[in-house]
Amino acid sequence: MFANREDAGKQLAKALAKYKNEKNIIILAIPRGALVMGEILHQELGAPLDIIVTKKIPHPMSEEYAIGAVGPGGEWFVEPEAASGIGGEYIEAQRARLEKAVEERYERYRGKRAKPAIKGKTVILIDDGIATGSTMIAAVHVVRKMGAAKIVVAVPVAPPESLARIAGEADEVVCLMQPTPFFAIGAFYEDFRQVEDEEAIAILARCSEKRRGKR
């Protein structure tokens, strides 16, 4: 049980201590809650913090079933099996729609600042917990396509079966708790308050300012 996201972030920082002050590393948080943890990792590991935004491409027969995802800079992918029998026209229309939504969210969070370079870097992907793992897997796929040299997925809590799926996609997985049975992510936090956009944006801006001040 974690007291809150700050507590989870401190514990995760200890588990990732081998990456402290290493060059060519970037932490990418899945908005919004993970940015609270991300600020702590940014401070403890001495690595830049940014966000990774992905939007799942839905199956035409089910909004909940993802056949792929779209990420920043026009990066996207589809799972061949999941997309079997689905026309390219539908996929292209969804890709264009979601690419716009992704870019709008980046602009809301980051303004006009250029997106961080990923190619050749070790990327630590973080979230405040994983349930099914589909959002994280989408992030892994997109970051891989962006040229990451190594992808580390780091989370406080996740069910073993979801971690097994993610372990097949990422280069390294760090998870502090793997409870069985698994309930909602919030069940493993004493305080799992909602993080609003304004707070998440402020955290990102604060970390960016600190980084620029060190140059």
Protein backbone atom coordinates (compact mmCIF):
# COMPACT_ATOMS: atom_id res chain seq x y z
CA MET A 1 0.00 0.00 0.00
CA PHE A 2 1.27 3.46 -0.94
CA ALA A 3 0.41 6.57 1.02
CA ASN A 4 0.07 8.61 -2.18
CA ARG A 5 1.77 9.17 -5.54
CA GLU A 6 4.63 11.03 -3.88
CA ASP A 7 5.34 8.00 -1.69
CA ALA A 8 5.17 5.71 -4.75
CA GLY A 9 7.54 8.02 -6.63
CA LYS A 10 10.13 7.95 -3.84
CA GLN A 11 10.01 4.15 -3.68
CA LEU A 12 10.24 3.88 -7.45
CA ALA A 13 13.25 6.21 -7.48
CA LYS A 14 15.08 3.81 -5.14
CA ALA A 15 14.26 0.89 -7.42
CA LEU A 16 15.66 2.84 -10.39
CA ALA A 17 18.76 4.11 -8.56
CA LYS A 18 21.13 2.48 -11.06
CA TYR A 19 20.01 5.10 -13.61
CA LYS A 20 20.86 8.06 -11.38
CA ASN A 21 22.82 10.76 -13.23
CA GLU A 22 23.28 8.53 -16.27
CA LYS A 23 23.49 10.37 -19.56
CA ASN A 24 21.12 9.86 -22.46
CA ILE A 25 18.08 9.05 -20.30
CA ILE A 26 14.64 10.60 -20.37
CA ILE A 27 11.59 9.95 -18.18
CA LEU A 28 8.25 9.98 -20.01
CA ALA A 29 5.10 10.11 -17.88
CA ILE A 30 1.62 9.11 -19.00
CA PRO A 31 -0.56 12.09 -17.99
CA ARG A 32 -1.86 13.01 -15.56
CA GLY A 33 -1.18 11.22 -12.28
CA ALA A 34 2.23 9.91 -13.30
CA LEU A 35 3.58 13.46 -13.50
CA VAL A 36 3.40 13.71 -9.69
CA MET A 37 5.71 10.69 -9.50
CA GLY A 38 7.71 11.97 -12.44
CA GLU A 39 8.74 15.15 -10.64
CA ILE A 40 10.26 13.06 -7.85
CA LEU A 41 12.07 10.78 -10.31
CA HIS A 42 13.31 13.87 -12.17
CA GLN A 43 14.81 15.20 -8.93
CA GLU A 44 16.19 11.89 -7.64
CA LEU A 45 17.62 10.51 -10.88
CA GLY A 46 18.73 13.80 -12.43
CA ALA A 47 16.96 12.97 -15.69
CA PRO A 48 14.68 15.21 -17.79
CA LEU A 49 10.93 14.68 -17.47
CA ASP A 50 8.42 14.90 -20.29
CA ILE A 51 5.15 13.26 -21.30
CA ILE A 52 4.09 10.52 -23.69
CA VAL A 53 0.60 10.87 -25.11
CA THR A 54 -0.95 8.07 -27.14
CA LYS A 55 -4.48 7.55 -28.40
CA LYS A 56 -5.77 4.07 -29.11
CA ILE A 57 -7.20 3.32 -32.57
CA PRO A 58 -10.57 1.70 -31.83
CA HIS A 59 -12.00 -1.30 -33.61
CA PRO A 60 -14.94 -0.19 -35.79
CA MET A 61 -17.24 -2.57 -33.89
CA SER A 62 -16.02 -1.69 -30.38
CA GLU A 63 -14.68 1.58 -28.98
CA GLU A 64 -13.03 -0.32 -26.13
CA TYR A 65 -11.03 -2.71 -28.31
CA ALA A 66 -7.79 -1.19 -29.60
CA ILE A 67 -6.27 -2.28 -32.90
CA GLY A 68 -3.31 0.08 -32.61
CA ALA A 69 -2.35 3.53 -31.40
CA VAL A 70 -1.20 6.96 -32.52
CA GLY A 71 1.54 8.92 -30.77
CA PRO A 72 3.46 12.19 -31.11
CA GLY A 73 5.05 13.33 -34.33
CA GLY A 74 2.74 11.23 -36.46
CA GLU A 75 4.10 7.93 -35.15
CA TRP A 76 1.51 5.14 -35.20
CA PHE A 77 1.10 1.40 -35.43
CA VAL A 78 -1.57 -1.25 -35.88
CA GLU A 79 -1.57 -4.81 -34.65
CA PRO A 80 -1.92 -6.96 -37.79
CA GLU A 81 -4.07 -9.60 -36.09
CA ALA A 82 -6.33 -7.09 -34.34
CA ALA A 83 -6.74 -5.08 -37.56
CA SER A 84 -7.41 -8.11 -39.76
CA GLY A 85 -10.27 -7.45 -42.17
CA ILE A 86 -10.47 -3.73 -41.38
CA GLY A 87 -10.17 -1.45 -44.39
CA GLY A 88 -7.25 0.90 -44.80
CA GLU A 89 -9.63 3.81 -45.34
CA TYR A 90 -11.04 3.41 -41.83
CA ILE A 91 -7.56 3.13 -40.28
CA GLU A 92 -6.30 6.20 -42.14
CA ALA A 93 -9.33 8.26 -41.06
CA GLN A 94 -8.82 7.25 -37.44
CA ARG A 95 -5.09 7.90 -37.63
CA ALA A 96 -5.64 11.44 -38.92
CA ARG A 97 -8.30 12.17 -36.29
CA LEU A 98 -6.22 10.84 -33.41
CA GLU A 99 -2.99 12.47 -34.59
CA LYS A 100 -4.75 15.82 -34.30
CA ALA A 101 -6.03 14.94 -30.80
CA VAL A 102 -2.54 13.90 -29.68
CA GLU A 103 -0.97 17.12 -30.98
CA GLU A 104 -3.67 19.22 -29.29
CA ARG A 105 -2.93 17.57 -25.96
CA TYR A 106 0.82 18.10 -26.36
CA GLU A 107 0.21 21.77 -27.10
CA ARG A 108 -2.02 22.08 -24.03
CA TYR A 109 0.63 20.53 -21.80
CA ARG A 110 3.81 21.86 -23.39
CA GLY A 111 2.84 24.96 -25.35
CA LYS A 112 5.07 25.52 -28.37
CA ARG A 113 8.15 23.85 -26.89
CA ALA A 114 9.73 21.29 -29.20
CA LYS A 115 9.09 17.66 -28.35
CA PRO A 116 12.05 15.86 -26.77
CA ALA A 117 14.41 13.78 -28.88
CA ILE A 118 13.93 10.06 -28.20
CA LYS A 119 16.19 8.42 -30.78
CA GLY A 120 19.09 6.56 -29.24
CA LYS A 121 18.01 7.24 -25.65
CA THR A 122 17.06 5.07 -22.70
CA VAL A 123 13.42 5.90 -22.04
CA ILE A 124 11.84 5.27 -18.64
CA LEU A 125 8.07 5.07 -19.14
CA ILE A 126 6.08 5.65 -15.97
CA ASP A 127 2.49 5.53 -14.81
CA ASP A 128 0.89 5.46 -11.37
CA GLY A 129 -0.27 1.89 -11.97
CA ILE A 130 -1.26 -0.57 -14.66
CA ALA A 131 -4.53 -2.45 -15.00
CA THR A 132 -4.90 -4.13 -18.41
CA GLY A 133 -1.63 -2.68 -19.70
CA SER A 134 -3.02 -1.58 -23.07
CA THR A 135 -2.13 2.11 -22.60
CA MET A 136 1.43 1.27 -21.56
CA ILE A 137 1.90 -1.20 -24.40
CA ALA A 138 0.76 1.48 -26.84
CA ALA A 139 3.33 3.87 -25.34
CA VAL A 140 6.08 1.22 -25.65
CA HIS A 141 5.23 0.60 -29.32
CA VAL A 142 5.22 4.30 -30.17
CA VAL A 143 8.46 5.08 -28.30
CA ARG A 144 10.10 2.10 -30.00
CA LYS A 145 9.08 3.50 -33.39
CA MET A 146 10.55 6.85 -32.34
CA GLY A 147 13.95 5.18 -32.07
CA ALA A 148 14.47 4.58 -28.33
CA ALA A 149 17.60 2.52 -27.67
CA LYS A 150 16.16 0.97 -24.49
CA ILE A 151 12.71 1.09 -22.93
CA VAL A 152 12.20 0.67 -19.19
CA VAL A 153 8.63 0.47 -17.89
CA ALA A 154 8.42 1.52 -14.23
CA VAL A 155 5.22 1.46 -12.17
CA PRO A 156 4.30 1.11 -8.49
CA VAL A 157 1.62 -1.57 -8.94
CA ALA A 158 0.27 -3.91 -11.62
CA PRO A 159 -1.23 -7.40 -11.91
CA PRO A 160 1.22 -10.17 -12.87
CA GLU A 161 -0.59 -11.06 -16.11
CA SER A 162 -0.40 -7.48 -17.42
CA LEU A 163 3.28 -7.25 -16.48
CA ALA A 164 3.95 -10.44 -18.40
CA ARG A 165 2.46 -8.84 -21.53
CA ILE A 166 4.51 -5.69 -21.06
CA ALA A 167 7.70 -7.65 -20.37
CA GLY A 168 7.34 -9.11 -23.85
CA GLU A 169 7.42 -5.59 -25.33
CA ALA A 170 9.77 -3.55 -23.12
CA ASP A 171 13.48 -4.13 -22.43
CA GLU A 172 13.07 -3.91 -18.66
CA VAL A 173 10.12 -3.80 -16.27
CA VAL A 174 10.29 -2.42 -12.73
CA CYS A 175 7.20 -2.93 -10.57
CA LEU A 176 7.05 -2.55 -6.79
CA MET A 177 3.85 -4.53 -6.14
CA GLN A 178 2.22 -7.35 -8.09
CA PRO A 179 -0.87 -8.16 -6.04
CA THR A 180 -3.21 -11.08 -6.64
CA PRO A 181 -6.11 -10.62 -6.81
CA PHE A 182 -5.81 -7.22 -8.41
CA PHE A 183 -8.46 -4.57 -7.90
CA ALA A 184 -8.55 -0.99 -9.20
CA ILE A 185 -5.21 0.85 -9.10
CA GLY A 186 -6.58 3.26 -6.49
CA ALA A 187 -7.17 0.38 -4.08
CA PHE A 188 -3.41 0.24 -3.46
CA TYR A 189 -3.13 3.92 -2.48
CA GLU A 190 -4.37 5.52 0.71
CA ASP A 191 -4.73 8.79 -1.22
CA PHE A 192 -5.44 8.47 -4.95
CA ARG A 193 -6.92 11.87 -5.59
CA GLN A 194 -7.51 12.98 -9.14
CA VAL A 195 -4.73 15.08 -10.64
CA GLU A 196 -6.14 17.94 -12.71
CA ASP A 197 -4.67 19.20 -15.97
CA GLU A 198 -3.55 22.45 -14.37
CA GLU A 199 -1.44 20.66 -11.74
CA ALA A 200 0.08 18.30 -14.30
CA ILE A 201 0.94 21.20 -16.63
CA ALA A 202 2.53 23.12 -13.74
CA ILE A 203 4.71 20.13 -12.81
CA LEU A 204 5.94 19.75 -16.37
CA ALA A 205 6.70 23.46 -16.67
CA ARG A 206 8.51 23.46 -13.31
CA CYS A 207 10.75 20.55 -14.29
CA SER A 208 11.47 22.08 -17.69
CA GLU A 209 12.50 25.37 -16.05
CA LYS A 210 14.82 23.58 -13.62
CA ARG A 211 16.41 21.69 -16.50
CA ARG A 212 16.99 24.85 -18.51
CA GLY A 213 18.46 26.53 -15.44
CA LYS A 214 21.15 23.84 -15.18
CA ARG A 215 22.40 24.32 -18.72
